[in-house]
Structure formats: C-alpha cells, structure tokens
C-alpha cells in the first residue's frame, strides 16, 4: 500500500478542520483581496454577526465574567457568540488549527446547569471563553503544532495512550476556574518564527492589514483576538512569540518570567533546552483581562502541579507600590522613571515604530514622569547568545519532526535551520554559553541599578520602553531581525505589550538616502513602504525586571490608559 504524501495528509487535515465550521457560519461570498479590503476587523467582520453577538464579543474578559458570574449572560450564549466570531476569523485569516465548538457548547451547557442548580458560578472565570495556542493538549482534539507528521499522533509518536486524551496542566486549571475552551490557534511549524506559516493551514494574515503577518509564533492567537474572536488566549514566548503577535494585532500581552505560570504537559520544540526557557502567558484586548486570568491561575496554586513553577501567589502590594510611587496618597507629588530604548545599536526601527516611541515619551513627560535614554550592555551580544541556544541540537529536533512526513520547512524556518540537521553543540560549548549568559545578565543588572543616579526618584528606572520589532508588522518572509525581542528572553525579564498607534503613510515617511548601519539594518530599511504599511497597528513593550508581573501589568495599564486618553 502506497504511503500517503504529506500534501494529501495536510489537505485532509485542513479540510477536516474547516468542515467543523457550521454551514450557517460560512462566508458564502468570495473573500476580497487585501487590495480590495485591507482591514477585516471592526465593521467588516461585524457585518456577519447579530447585535447580541457583537455586544458579547466586543466585551473584554472582565466584563464577560461580570455578566456570567451574576447570571445576566448564560455561558451558552457567550460560547455561541465567540464560536461564531472565531469561525469567521479563521475564514478571513487562517488562524485556527483545531475547532471544538460542539464540546464548548456542551461545556457551557453544563456550566449553566450548575448555575441554575446552585445559584452561583462554578469558578471565578465562569463561562469565559479562552483560546489556546496549538501547544496545549486538550482532550478530544489533536496537537499538531503545525507539523504534518504529528497528525494522528501524540507529538509525533503513536501508541502512547495519550492521543486525544491527555491534557496539559494549565488546561485542567482553566477548566476548574469555569473557563470554556473552544479552539486552538495556528502556529508556524517549529514555533521558531515571527511569522505564522505551515503546510497545513498555509499563511496566517494580519487582520488589520492583510499585506502583513499576524506575527508568531502565537500568531493565530494574535489574529483571532485581534478580530475579537476570543476575549483572552494563551501563547508562549521563547524569543518574542507572545509579544510580537500582540504588537502586530494591537493587543496587550505579557511575557512572564520563567517559573510564574505552568508549562507542564505542553508540546514544544527542542524540549530540554533549558538555557532560555519558553514561557506561557496571556494576550487580550485589555490589561485588566491579563490581570484577571493571571491572578485566577495563580489562585490554583500551580506550583503544586508543575515542578518548575515558583511558589509565588499574586502580590497585590506590588501593584499598589506603583500608586504609592506616583503619589496618589500625597496629592500626586510622586513620579515614575522610565528608560527609553530608541534602538539597540544594531538596527534602527522603521518610522512608525520610532513615532510610537516618541508618542510614549511625550505622554510620560506630560504626566511628569522622568525619562532617560537607555544605554545598556551590548544587545548584539545578548541576541547572539539567544540564537546559539536555539541551535544547540543542530536542528535535530525540528528536522526529525519534518522527516516524519517528508514535508519541507517553510522559508521562514529554513533560513535559520537549513533543510537538514547540522553539528550539535558539545557539553563544553553549552556550558560556555551558559556562563556568558550569566555574565551578560549580571552586567545588565548592574547597569539597571546604576540608573538610580539619573532618575531623581531615589530608585533605578521602574521599567524600560522599547520596540518589540523594528517594524509595525512583518512582510511575508521579511522578518530578518529579532534582537528587539530576544534580549528580554535571555535576561528572563517580564515584559508587557502596549498598543500605541497605527501606521500613517502621510506621517511615517520613508527614510530616503538613509545609510544602513549593517546588513541587518539594511534589510529592515529596504522593506519599509509607507503605502503597504498604512493602517497597521504599532506598539511598544514595557520591560520590567524578573518576576515583576504585577508591577509590569500595573505600569502597562497606567501607560496604556494615558496613551488612549491623550
């Protein structure tokens, strides 16, 4: 019997997922090209929804939980609305890998029955729909992580007894909180790309500007939440994979430090590479939504179920210290201090990103806060260390996954890993990278501490404002530089994304005659076109120190609200 080709397997899987969209939710007319309809968010997607569905899906996670826990909205009607909007989002962007709407409606029905019987919600997140990146294992559906060779298996293996029955630890905790799970979102195969593309679903587009990428590797989450097909979802981040999609899609997102939220039982690439750990964190439309779900998960005591999670409950006093610093208790006399990283010494960001940084600086100065130019230890060194960790195994893990089906890697992956494995790093070489990483972390820590002399607050800077990528979003196959995101990973700092503005072709003029600093800088400069980028979301990241999730969220909310009102 002939072996089925990878192309056939991929198409069969793709068709199977698409067939799970109910007939009444399918878009019957041809979807217009990006030239005809660049932006499919807002009014465009809402044309397919009822007024009730729009009201529900335009509400953030905090607002939804307020209604469901009070019994004013049923879990069933909320689940139905988000399943419908997610189905539309997928047809517009290719953002879903797994659809389990029927299971979601069944789960919501049980939640409603519980509420009717007991007169109270099952948990603090009763009836809240949550989307998950396709690294989470959920009972009843597959986890392919974009690999054709993982279809019908458990992480590429058969006969494990875990196929379609095993669940990741966070999935268990979310269910205990009353969450409704309904879909898993698309990723680039390998996870190691800032664009989302694989041989199963194809390319996942940016819904705000369909000339551009939705980001990666949690790109499906970014596109789905950007279209409000989910109020909050979870991605992962080893080099920017939460922050990049959040930024590209105009969302808030947080990359926690390692050991804060449970990663136990999730699929991953290069599992066992511990020099730079991938972390899991949420993306949403508001900071309040990020706080709600993070605080709820920590209330489940994940450190009892994941050996890598620190025993660290939610620390409200860390949020309150921000209010103390800005002087709400003494008439507003206090202030905060921020480092401003306009570039990293390697690449100069494109005009929309530079303007976003300037907007944030102006807002902070108007509020009376101190800003200083950020001049840290070489980011080039930090980025090079991060890149080395991703290649410790010479690509053996990812090429082994490709070999299961014979599928080729996308260019976004082969550009970094080639088409076959290379030589693995020795134990001595890995140890040397670990030493160099620790030394760079120490240098960065000392520099951060030294800013106490420059802030006028009696403290070192409270956070750093920086680009997440050198562009508002990436053109297909043009994400050539990751240094603005990877420095956070090598330091294991906490970082949150803050939406700032949108690209404007009338303001963000190309730098004609610019002399690039190096090859990385040239590639970024050459791919900027004001017309192509017009309308794309532009964001910054707010970087705190390790394990400062509460403080970083408080600061992100403060800055984000000031930008929105300014």
Protein backbone atom coordinates (compact mmCIF):
# COMPACT_ATOMS: atom_id res chain seq x y z
CA UNK A 1 0.00 0.00 0.00
CA UNK A 2 1.45 3.36 -1.04
CA UNK A 3 2.32 5.82 1.71
CA UNK A 4 0.11 8.89 1.68
CA UNK A 5 2.01 12.02 0.62
CA UNK A 6 2.47 14.88 3.04
CA UNK A 7 0.45 17.07 0.70
CA UNK A 8 -2.56 14.75 0.91
CA UNK A 9 -2.26 14.42 4.69
CA UNK A 10 -2.06 18.19 5.09
CA UNK A 11 -5.09 18.80 2.85
CA UNK A 12 -7.11 16.10 4.60
CA UNK A 13 -6.40 17.71 7.98
CA UNK A 14 -7.11 21.20 6.69
CA UNK A 15 -10.40 20.11 5.15
CA UNK A 16 -11.37 18.25 8.32
CA UNK A 17 -10.86 21.37 10.44
CA UNK A 18 -12.73 23.62 8.02
CA UNK A 19 -15.63 21.17 7.83
CA UNK A 20 -16.25 21.76 11.54
CA UNK A 21 -17.44 25.30 10.79
CA UNK A 22 -21.26 25.11 10.79
CA UNK A 23 -22.83 25.78 7.40
CA UNK A 24 -24.69 28.85 8.66
CA UNK A 25 -21.41 30.43 9.78
CA UNK A 26 -19.61 30.03 6.47
CA UNK A 27 -18.91 33.14 4.43
CA UNK A 28 -20.71 32.46 1.17
CA UNK A 29 -19.29 35.26 -0.96
CA UNK A 30 -15.64 35.32 -2.08
CA UNK A 31 -13.38 37.00 0.45
CA UNK A 32 -12.00 40.19 -1.10
CA UNK A 33 -8.28 40.53 -1.75
CA UNK A 34 -6.14 42.71 0.54
CA UNK A 35 -6.12 45.29 -2.26
CA UNK A 36 -9.92 45.45 -2.11
CA UNK A 37 -10.29 45.12 1.68
CA UNK A 38 -7.10 45.60 3.67
CA UNK A 39 -8.73 45.70 7.13
CA UNK A 40 -11.22 42.97 8.09
CA UNK A 41 -11.52 43.95 11.75
CA UNK A 42 -14.34 46.03 13.25
CA UNK A 43 -17.24 46.78 10.92
CA UNK A 44 -16.13 44.25 8.31
CA UNK A 45 -16.37 41.15 10.49
CA UNK A 46 -19.36 42.56 12.40
CA UNK A 47 -21.49 42.50 9.23
CA UNK A 48 -21.83 38.73 9.73
CA UNK A 49 -22.90 38.95 13.39
CA UNK A 50 -26.12 39.75 15.22
CA UNK A 51 -26.37 42.76 17.53
CA UNK A 52 -26.36 40.43 20.54
CA UNK A 53 -23.24 38.63 19.29
CA UNK A 54 -21.49 41.95 18.72
CA UNK A 55 -22.34 43.14 22.23
CA UNK A 56 -20.92 39.97 23.78
CA UNK A 57 -17.79 39.68 21.64
CA UNK A 58 -16.90 43.37 21.92
CA UNK A 59 -16.82 42.99 25.72
CA UNK A 60 -13.48 42.25 27.38
CA UNK A 61 -12.85 39.27 29.66
CA UNK A 62 -13.52 41.29 32.83
CA UNK A 63 -16.86 42.49 31.51
CA UNK A 64 -17.86 38.99 30.37
CA UNK A 65 -17.11 37.43 33.74
CA UNK A 66 -19.04 40.22 35.46
CA UNK A 67 -22.11 39.24 33.45
CA UNK A 68 -21.76 35.44 33.57
CA UNK A 69 -20.99 35.21 37.29
CA UNK A 70 -24.05 37.37 38.02
CA UNK A 71 -26.27 35.23 35.83
CA UNK A 72 -27.14 38.05 33.41
CA UNK A 73 -25.46 36.26 30.48
CA UNK A 74 -25.50 32.49 30.14
CA UNK A 75 -22.31 30.60 29.40
CA UNK A 76 -24.12 29.10 26.42
CA UNK A 77 -24.91 32.38 24.67
CA UNK A 78 -21.40 33.68 25.30
CA UNK A 79 -19.81 30.50 23.92
CA UNK A 80 -22.09 30.56 20.88
CA UNK A 81 -21.16 34.16 20.09
CA UNK A 82 -17.41 33.59 20.33
CA UNK A 83 -17.54 30.31 18.40
CA UNK A 84 -19.32 32.17 15.58
CA UNK A 85 -16.84 35.05 15.56
CA UNK A 86 -13.87 32.64 15.74
CA UNK A 87 -15.25 30.74 12.74
CA UNK A 88 -15.41 33.99 10.78
CA UNK A 89 -11.91 34.99 11.91
CA UNK A 90 -10.49 31.70 10.66
CA UNK A 91 -12.08 32.11 7.25
CA UNK A 92 -10.53 35.57 6.99
CA UNK A 93 -7.01 34.82 8.29
CA UNK A 94 -6.32 31.05 8.73
CA UNK A 95 -5.95 31.49 12.49
CA UNK A 96 -7.23 28.12 13.78
CA UNK A 97 -5.66 24.67 13.95
CA UNK A 98 -8.36 22.92 15.95
CA UNK A 99 -12.10 23.63 16.24
CA UNK A 100 -14.18 22.06 19.01
CA UNK A 101 -17.25 24.23 19.12
CA UNK A 102 -19.58 21.34 19.94
CA UNK A 103 -17.52 20.44 23.01
CA UNK A 104 -17.53 24.11 24.02
CA UNK A 105 -21.32 24.36 23.80
CA UNK A 106 -21.63 21.15 25.82
CA UNK A 107 -19.25 22.54 28.45
CA UNK A 108 -21.17 25.84 28.58
CA UNK A 109 -24.46 23.99 28.95
CA UNK A 110 -23.08 22.16 31.98
CA UNK A 111 -21.93 25.46 33.48
CA UNK A 112 -25.41 26.91 33.02
CA UNK A 113 -26.95 23.84 34.64
CA UNK A 114 -24.57 24.23 37.59
CA UNK A 115 -25.54 27.88 37.98
CA UNK A 116 -29.25 27.03 37.78
CA UNK A 117 -28.90 24.34 40.44
CA UNK A 118 -26.57 26.10 42.87
CA UNK A 119 -27.34 29.77 42.24
CA UNK A 120 -23.66 30.62 41.91
CA UNK A 121 -20.85 30.33 39.36
CA UNK A 122 -18.63 27.27 39.17
CA UNK A 123 -15.50 29.40 39.50
CA UNK A 124 -14.21 32.96 39.17
CA UNK A 125 -13.97 32.65 35.36
CA UNK A 126 -17.39 31.02 34.95
CA UNK A 127 -18.34 30.93 31.27
CA UNK A 128 -15.30 32.82 29.97
CA UNK A 129 -14.20 31.57 26.52
CA UNK A 130 -10.42 31.13 26.31
CA UNK A 131 -8.44 30.26 23.18
CA UNK A 132 -5.20 28.28 23.29
CA UNK A 133 -2.11 28.15 21.12
CA UNK A 134 -1.66 24.75 19.49
CA UNK A 135 0.90 23.61 22.05
CA UNK A 136 -1.72 22.85 24.66
CA UNK A 137 -3.07 19.31 24.78
CA UNK A 138 -6.86 19.26 25.03
CA UNK A 139 -8.94 16.10 25.30
CA UNK A 140 -10.76 15.21 22.09
CA UNK A 141 -8.54 17.11 19.64
CA UNK A 142 -5.07 16.76 18.19
CA UNK A 143 -1.96 18.83 18.78
CA UNK A 144 -0.05 19.11 15.50
CA UNK A 145 1.96 22.26 16.26
CA UNK A 146 1.86 22.79 12.50
CA UNK A 147 3.70 19.55 11.67
CA UNK A 148 2.10 17.25 9.10
CA UNK A 149 3.97 14.36 10.73
CA UNK A 150 2.20 14.96 14.04
CA UNK A 151 -1.28 14.45 12.56
CA UNK A 152 -2.90 11.43 14.21
CA UNK A 153 -0.12 11.11 16.82
CA UNK A 154 0.92 12.37 20.24
CA UNK A 155 3.79 14.71 19.45
CA UNK A 156 4.87 12.55 16.53
CA UNK A 157 4.56 9.24 18.37
CA UNK A 158 1.88 6.57 18.12
CA UNK A 159 0.67 4.02 20.62
CA UNK A 160 1.40 6.22 23.62
CA UNK A 161 -2.09 6.01 25.09
CA UNK A 162 -2.11 9.81 25.31
CA UNK A 163 -3.52 10.52 21.85
CA UNK A 164 -6.51 12.88 22.22
CA UNK A 165 -6.99 12.08 25.92
CA UNK A 166 -4.04 13.76 27.66
CA UNK A 167 -4.47 17.36 28.85
CA UNK A 168 -1.87 19.95 29.78
CA UNK A 169 -1.76 21.16 33.38
CA UNK A 170 -2.99 24.65 32.60
CA UNK A 171 -5.97 23.18 30.74
CA UNK A 172 -7.00 21.38 33.94
CA UNK A 173 -6.64 24.57 35.94
CA UNK A 174 -8.63 26.63 33.44
CA UNK A 175 -11.47 24.13 33.48
CA UNK A 176 -11.51 24.27 37.28
CA UNK A 177 -11.89 28.05 37.07
CA UNK A 178 -15.00 27.71 34.90
CA UNK A 179 -13.43 28.53 31.54
CA UNK A 180 -14.96 27.36 28.24
CA UNK A 181 -12.35 26.07 25.76
CA UNK A 182 -13.39 26.09 22.10
CA UNK A 183 -10.43 26.32 19.72
CA UNK A 184 -6.66 26.03 19.33
CA UNK A 185 -4.81 28.56 17.24
CA UNK A 186 -2.29 28.33 14.45
CA UNK A 187 1.49 28.42 14.81
CA UNK A 188 4.49 28.25 12.49
CA UNK A 189 5.81 24.71 12.38
CA UNK A 190 8.78 24.52 14.79
CA UNK A 191 7.42 27.63 16.63
CA UNK A 192 10.69 29.33 15.71
CA UNK A 193 9.43 32.15 13.51
CA UNK A 194 7.92 35.60 13.90
CA UNK A 195 5.50 34.73 11.10
CA UNK A 196 2.82 32.04 11.29
CA UNK A 197 3.01 29.61 8.40
CA UNK A 198 2.88 25.84 8.00
CA UNK A 199 1.96 23.26 5.40
CA UNK A 200 -1.43 22.51 6.98
CA UNK A 201 -3.18 25.88 7.17
CA UNK A 202 -0.85 27.95 5.00
CA UNK A 203 -0.13 31.57 6.00
CA UNK A 204 -1.91 33.38 8.83
CA UNK A 205 -2.53 37.01 7.87
CA UNK A 206 -2.78 40.18 9.90
CA UNK A 207 -6.48 41.12 10.05
CA UNK A 208 -5.78 44.86 10.44
CA UNK A 209 -3.58 44.93 7.36
CA UNK A 210 -3.67 41.79 5.24
CA UNK A 211 -0.49 42.74 3.41
CA UNK A 212 1.35 41.83 6.60
CA UNK A 213 1.99 38.98 9.00
CA UNK A 214 -0.03 38.42 12.16
CA UNK A 215 3.26 37.64 13.90
CA UNK A 216 4.48 34.46 15.51
CA UNK A 217 4.78 32.06 16.93
CA UNK A 218 1.49 32.72 18.76
CA UNK A 219 0.23 34.29 15.55
CA UNK A 220 -3.12 32.54 15.45
CA UNK A 221 -3.85 33.91 18.92
CA UNK A 222 -2.93 37.41 17.76
CA UNK A 223 -5.13 37.27 14.66
CA UNK A 224 -8.07 35.67 16.49
CA UNK A 225 -8.07 38.11 19.42
CA UNK A 226 -7.39 41.00 17.04
CA UNK A 227 -10.67 40.08 15.33
CA UNK A 228 -12.29 39.67 18.77
CA UNK A 229 -12.95 36.02 18.11
CA UNK A 230 -11.56 35.44 21.61
CA UNK A 231 -11.57 37.71 24.66
CA UNK A 232 -8.32 36.26 26.01
CA UNK A 233 -5.97 33.48 24.97
CA UNK A 234 -2.64 31.92 25.82
CA UNK A 235 0.55 31.91 23.81
CA UNK A 236 4.17 31.10 24.56
CA UNK A 237 7.37 33.12 24.22
CA UNK A 238 10.96 31.96 23.75
CA UNK A 239 12.07 34.87 21.57
CA UNK A 240 9.09 37.20 21.33
CA UNK A 241 6.24 34.84 20.47
CA UNK A 242 3.66 36.41 22.79
CA UNK A 243 4.81 39.99 22.37
CA UNK A 244 5.22 40.03 18.58
CA UNK A 245 1.65 38.86 17.78
CA UNK A 246 0.23 41.11 20.49
CA UNK A 247 2.04 44.09 18.98
CA UNK A 248 1.19 43.28 15.37
CA UNK A 249 -2.52 42.94 16.24
CA UNK A 250 -2.98 45.93 18.55
CA UNK A 251 -3.31 43.86 21.74
CA UNK A 252 -1.97 43.77 25.25
CA UNK A 253 0.10 40.74 26.17
CA UNK A 254 2.53 39.72 28.87
CA UNK A 255 5.65 37.61 28.72
CA UNK A 256 6.10 36.48 32.35
CA UNK A 257 9.44 35.38 33.70
CA UNK A 258 10.04 31.64 33.70
CA UNK A 259 8.51 29.80 36.62
CA UNK A 260 5.47 32.02 37.06
CA UNK A 261 2.79 30.15 35.08
CA UNK A 262 2.53 26.39 34.42
CA UNK A 263 4.00 24.98 31.21
CA UNK A 264 3.72 21.37 32.40
CA UNK A 265 2.40 18.92 29.82
CA UNK A 266 2.58 21.24 26.80
CA UNK A 267 4.13 20.35 23.45
CA UNK A 268 7.27 22.23 22.49
CA UNK A 269 10.24 22.39 20.16
CA UNK A 270 13.69 21.47 21.45
CA UNK A 271 12.28 20.30 24.77
CA UNK A 272 15.12 20.02 27.28
CA UNK A 273 16.95 23.13 26.09
CA UNK A 274 16.96 24.98 29.40
CA UNK A 275 19.35 27.88 28.80
CA UNK A 276 16.50 30.09 27.56
CA UNK A 277 13.13 28.68 28.58
CA UNK A 278 9.91 29.19 26.71
CA UNK A 279 7.22 30.71 28.94
CA UNK A 280 3.44 30.79 28.71
CA UNK A 281 1.35 33.95 29.06
CA UNK A 282 -1.91 35.62 28.00
CA UNK A 283 -2.90 38.03 25.23
CA UNK A 284 -6.06 40.14 25.42
CA UNK A 285 -7.68 43.43 24.49
CA UNK A 286 -7.18 45.00 27.94
CA UNK A 287 -4.64 44.86 30.76
CA UNK A 288 -7.49 44.13 33.15
CA UNK A 289 -8.14 40.90 31.23
CA UNK A 290 -4.49 39.86 31.56
CA UNK A 291 -4.61 40.55 35.29
CA UNK A 292 -7.90 38.68 35.74
CA UNK A 293 -6.74 35.43 34.18
CA UNK A 294 -3.20 35.51 35.59
CA UNK A 295 -4.45 36.15 39.10
CA UNK A 296 -7.06 33.38 38.76
CA UNK A 297 -4.47 30.85 37.60
CA UNK A 298 -2.13 31.70 40.46
CA UNK A 299 -5.08 31.08 42.77
CA UNK A 300 -4.98 27.45 41.59
CA UNK A 301 -1.54 27.06 43.21
CA UNK A 302 0.21 25.82 40.04
CA UNK A 303 3.45 25.28 41.99
CA UNK A 304 1.85 22.15 43.45
CA UNK A 305 1.42 20.63 39.97
CA UNK A 306 4.31 21.95 37.89
CA UNK A 307 7.79 21.44 39.39
CA UNK A 308 9.16 24.47 37.53
CA UNK A 309 6.64 26.98 38.90
CA UNK A 310 7.71 29.18 41.80
CA UNK A 311 5.51 29.27 44.88
CA UNK A 312 4.51 32.87 44.32
CA UNK A 313 0.84 33.84 44.75
CA UNK A 314 -0.50 37.10 43.29
CA UNK A 315 1.14 40.03 45.08
CA UNK A 316 -1.28 42.96 45.26
CA UNK A 317 1.27 45.03 47.17
CA UNK A 318 3.49 45.06 44.06
CA UNK A 319 0.67 46.77 42.15
CA UNK A 320 -0.03 49.15 45.00
CA UNK A 321 3.57 50.29 45.12
CA UNK A 322 3.06 51.94 41.72
CA UNK A 323 0.23 54.01 43.14
CA UNK A 324 2.49 54.93 46.02
CA UNK A 325 5.27 55.97 43.67
CA UNK A 326 3.05 58.28 41.63
CA UNK A 327 1.76 59.83 44.82
CA UNK A 328 -1.95 59.07 44.84
CA UNK A 329 -1.71 59.13 48.63
CA UNK A 330 0.03 62.51 48.79
CA UNK A 331 -1.69 64.62 46.17
CA UNK A 332 0.15 63.29 43.13
CA UNK A 333 3.59 64.65 44.02
CA UNK A 334 5.47 61.48 43.14
CA UNK A 335 6.70 60.21 39.79
CA UNK A 336 8.00 57.18 37.97
CA UNK A 337 11.15 56.77 35.90
CA UNK A 338 11.50 55.04 32.55
CA UNK A 339 14.42 54.10 30.36
CA UNK A 340 13.80 54.77 26.67
CA UNK A 341 15.41 52.42 24.16
CA UNK A 342 15.02 54.01 20.74
CA UNK A 343 17.28 51.48 19.00
CA UNK A 344 19.51 48.63 20.10
CA UNK A 345 22.77 49.62 18.44
CA UNK A 346 22.23 47.11 15.64
CA UNK A 347 19.02 48.07 13.84
CA UNK A 348 17.18 51.36 13.58
CA UNK A 349 13.39 50.83 13.76
CA UNK A 350 11.19 51.89 10.87
CA UNK A 351 9.40 55.28 11.04
CA UNK A 352 6.08 54.06 12.55
CA UNK A 353 7.90 52.40 15.44
CA UNK A 354 10.08 55.44 16.07
CA UNK A 355 6.96 57.61 16.15
CA UNK A 356 5.30 55.24 18.64
CA UNK A 357 8.28 55.55 20.97
CA UNK A 358 8.08 59.34 20.69
CA UNK A 359 4.36 59.28 21.49
CA UNK A 360 5.01 57.31 24.67
CA UNK A 361 7.86 59.62 25.72
CA UNK A 362 5.64 62.68 25.25
CA UNK A 363 2.83 61.09 27.28
CA UNK A 364 5.18 60.17 30.12
CA UNK A 365 6.78 63.61 30.23
CA UNK A 366 3.36 65.29 30.16
CA UNK A 367 2.40 63.22 33.20
CA UNK A 368 5.52 64.44 34.97
CA UNK A 369 7.49 61.20 34.90
CA UNK A 370 11.24 61.02 34.36
CA UNK A 371 12.61 59.54 31.14
CA UNK A 372 16.25 58.76 30.45
CA UNK A 373 17.95 57.37 27.37
CA UNK A 374 18.68 53.65 27.79
CA UNK A 375 22.31 52.76 27.07
CA UNK A 376 22.74 49.18 28.32
CA UNK A 377 25.38 46.50 27.70
CA UNK A 378 25.62 45.33 24.08
CA UNK A 379 22.33 43.91 22.83
CA UNK A 380 24.23 42.37 19.96
CA UNK A 381 25.91 40.05 22.46
CA UNK A 382 22.62 39.14 24.10
CA UNK A 383 20.93 38.36 20.79
CA UNK A 384 23.86 36.22 19.63
CA UNK A 385 23.67 34.18 22.84
CA UNK A 386 19.95 33.62 22.37
CA UNK A 387 20.44 32.48 18.77
CA UNK A 388 23.08 29.98 19.88
CA UNK A 389 20.72 28.35 22.37
CA UNK A 390 18.16 27.76 19.63
CA UNK A 391 20.72 25.77 17.67
CA UNK A 392 22.27 23.66 20.42
CA UNK A 393 20.91 20.45 18.89
CA UNK A 394 21.85 21.45 15.34
CA UNK A 395 18.18 21.38 14.35
CA UNK A 396 17.87 17.66 15.12
CA UNK A 397 14.51 18.02 16.88
CA UNK A 398 12.73 20.06 14.23
CA UNK A 399 14.20 18.21 11.25
CA UNK A 400 13.18 14.95 12.90
CA UNK A 401 9.62 16.25 13.01
CA UNK A 402 9.75 17.25 9.34
CA UNK A 403 11.14 13.81 8.42
CA UNK A 404 8.06 12.08 9.85
CA UNK A 405 6.07 13.20 6.80
CA UNK A 406 8.74 14.34 4.36
CA UNK A 407 7.32 17.86 4.31
CA UNK A 408 9.72 20.75 3.66
CA UNK A 409 10.25 23.56 6.16
CA UNK A 410 8.85 26.97 5.25
CA UNK A 411 11.47 29.50 4.10
CA UNK A 412 10.97 31.39 7.37
CA UNK A 413 12.33 28.30 9.15
CA UNK A 414 14.88 27.00 6.67
CA UNK A 415 16.56 30.41 6.60
CA UNK A 416 17.66 29.75 10.19
CA UNK A 417 17.86 25.98 10.35
CA UNK A 418 18.59 24.85 6.81
CA UNK A 419 16.94 21.78 5.33
CA UNK A 420 18.84 19.16 7.33
CA UNK A 421 20.46 18.87 10.77
CA UNK A 422 23.90 20.31 11.44
CA UNK A 423 26.50 19.54 14.12
CA UNK A 424 25.21 19.60 17.69
CA UNK A 425 26.89 21.72 20.34
CA UNK A 426 29.13 19.91 22.84
CA UNK A 427 28.53 19.98 26.59
CA UNK A 428 31.50 22.34 26.93
CA UNK A 429 30.09 24.69 24.30
CA UNK A 430 26.69 24.75 26.02
CA UNK A 431 28.36 25.42 29.37
CA UNK A 432 30.29 28.32 27.82
CA UNK A 433 27.05 29.87 26.55
CA UNK A 434 25.50 29.48 29.99
CA UNK A 435 28.45 31.27 31.59
CA UNK A 436 28.34 34.05 29.00
CA UNK A 437 24.59 34.42 29.56
CA UNK A 438 25.03 34.75 33.32
CA UNK A 439 27.78 37.32 32.86
CA UNK A 440 25.64 39.37 30.48
CA UNK A 441 22.68 39.18 32.87
CA UNK A 442 24.90 40.48 35.66
CA UNK A 443 26.18 43.36 33.50
CA UNK A 444 22.62 44.29 32.62
CA UNK A 445 21.55 44.13 36.25
CA UNK A 446 24.41 46.40 37.28
CA UNK A 447 23.55 48.88 34.54
CA UNK A 448 19.89 48.94 35.57
CA UNK A 449 20.93 49.54 39.20
CA UNK A 450 23.22 52.37 38.13
CA UNK A 451 20.33 54.40 36.73
CA UNK A 452 19.36 55.34 40.29
CA UNK A 453 21.83 58.21 39.87
CA UNK A 454 19.88 59.56 36.88
CA UNK A 455 16.22 59.28 37.83
CA UNK A 456 15.64 61.84 40.64
CA UNK A 457 13.27 59.33 42.28
CA UNK A 458 15.69 57.64 44.64
CA UNK A 459 15.19 54.44 42.64
CA UNK A 460 16.56 52.98 39.46
CA UNK A 461 14.20 53.09 36.47
CA UNK A 462 10.86 51.42 37.08
CA UNK A 463 10.70 49.99 33.56
CA UNK A 464 12.12 50.33 30.06
CA UNK A 465 10.09 51.36 27.00
CA UNK A 466 11.41 49.64 23.87
CA UNK A 467 10.39 48.44 20.41
CA UNK A 468 9.28 44.80 20.10
CA UNK A 469 10.31 44.54 16.46
CA UNK A 470 11.88 47.01 14.04
CA UNK A 471 8.60 47.27 12.11
CA UNK A 472 4.90 47.62 12.86
CA UNK A 473 4.46 44.11 11.43
CA UNK A 474 6.47 41.88 9.13
CA UNK A 475 6.03 41.49 5.42
CA UNK A 476 5.91 37.80 4.40
CA UNK A 477 9.41 36.27 4.52
CA UNK A 478 10.90 39.59 5.67
CA UNK A 479 11.24 39.04 9.45
CA UNK A 480 15.01 39.18 9.43
CA UNK A 481 15.89 40.57 12.87
CA UNK A 482 14.69 39.52 16.34
CA UNK A 483 17.05 41.44 18.61
CA UNK A 484 14.38 43.79 19.98
CA UNK A 485 12.50 40.86 21.49
CA UNK A 486 15.20 38.29 22.32
CA UNK A 487 17.08 40.46 24.83
CA UNK A 488 14.13 40.05 27.18
CA UNK A 489 14.28 36.27 26.87
CA UNK A 490 17.99 35.98 27.58
CA UNK A 491 17.51 38.21 30.66
CA UNK A 492 14.27 36.39 31.61
CA UNK A 493 12.66 39.75 32.32
CA UNK A 494 8.92 40.40 32.48
CA UNK A 495 7.58 42.37 29.53
CA UNK A 496 4.14 43.65 28.53
CA UNK A 497 2.94 44.96 25.17
CA UNK A 498 1.16 48.32 24.92
CA UNK A 499 -0.70 49.32 21.71
CA UNK A 500 0.16 52.91 20.78
CA UNK A 501 -1.00 53.98 17.32
CA UNK A 502 -1.35 52.89 13.69
CA UNK A 503 0.96 53.43 10.75
CA UNK A 504 0.15 56.53 8.73
CA UNK A 505 1.58 56.90 5.24
CA UNK A 506 1.21 60.69 5.42
CA UNK A 507 3.35 60.94 8.56
CA UNK A 508 5.63 57.89 8.56
CA UNK A 509 7.67 58.86 5.53
CA UNK A 510 10.40 56.52 4.25
CA UNK A 511 13.99 57.46 5.10
CA UNK A 512 15.24 58.08 1.58
CA UNK A 513 19.01 58.32 1.48
CA UNK A 514 19.43 56.55 4.83
CA UNK A 515 22.82 54.86 5.25
CA UNK A 516 22.27 51.47 6.96
CA UNK A 517 24.49 50.56 9.89
CA UNK A 518 24.96 46.94 8.76
CA UNK A 519 23.28 44.14 6.80
CA UNK A 520 20.51 43.62 9.38
CA UNK A 521 19.75 47.32 9.30
CA UNK A 522 19.74 47.38 5.50
CA UNK A 523 17.19 44.59 5.23
CA UNK A 524 14.85 46.33 7.67
CA UNK A 525 15.22 49.69 5.94
CA UNK A 526 14.67 48.29 2.44
CA UNK A 527 11.41 46.52 3.26
CA UNK A 528 9.60 49.63 4.52
CA UNK A 529 6.89 51.03 2.25
CA UNK A 530 4.56 53.65 3.77
CA UNK A 531 1.73 52.67 1.43
CA UNK A 532 1.92 48.97 2.24
CA UNK A 533 2.16 49.55 5.99
CA UNK A 534 -0.61 52.16 6.17
CA UNK A 535 -3.12 51.34 8.91
CA UNK A 536 -1.05 48.65 10.65
CA UNK A 537 -1.01 48.56 14.44
CA UNK A 538 2.12 49.91 16.17
CA UNK A 539 3.05 49.00 19.74
CA UNK A 540 5.87 49.15 22.26
CA UNK A 541 6.92 46.87 25.08
CA UNK A 542 7.29 47.85 28.71
CA UNK A 543 10.07 45.80 30.26
CA UNK A 544 10.47 45.18 33.98
CA UNK A 545 12.86 43.00 35.93
CA UNK A 546 12.49 39.30 36.62
CA UNK A 547 9.24 38.12 38.19
CA UNK A 548 7.68 41.58 38.25
CA UNK A 549 4.40 40.57 36.61
CA UNK A 550 2.14 42.52 38.97
CA UNK A 551 4.21 45.68 38.71
CA UNK A 552 4.58 45.44 34.93
CA UNK A 553 0.84 45.00 34.42
CA UNK A 554 0.12 47.98 36.67
CA UNK A 555 2.59 50.12 34.71
CA UNK A 556 1.25 48.88 31.35
CA UNK A 557 -2.28 49.81 32.40
CA UNK A 558 -1.14 53.24 33.58
CA UNK A 559 0.76 53.99 30.37
CA UNK A 560 -1.83 52.41 28.08
CA UNK A 561 -4.66 54.43 29.61
CA UNK A 562 -2.62 57.62 29.34
CA UNK A 563 -1.93 56.97 25.64
CA UNK A 564 -5.60 56.21 24.95
CA UNK A 565 -6.79 59.35 26.70
CA UNK A 566 -4.04 61.55 25.29
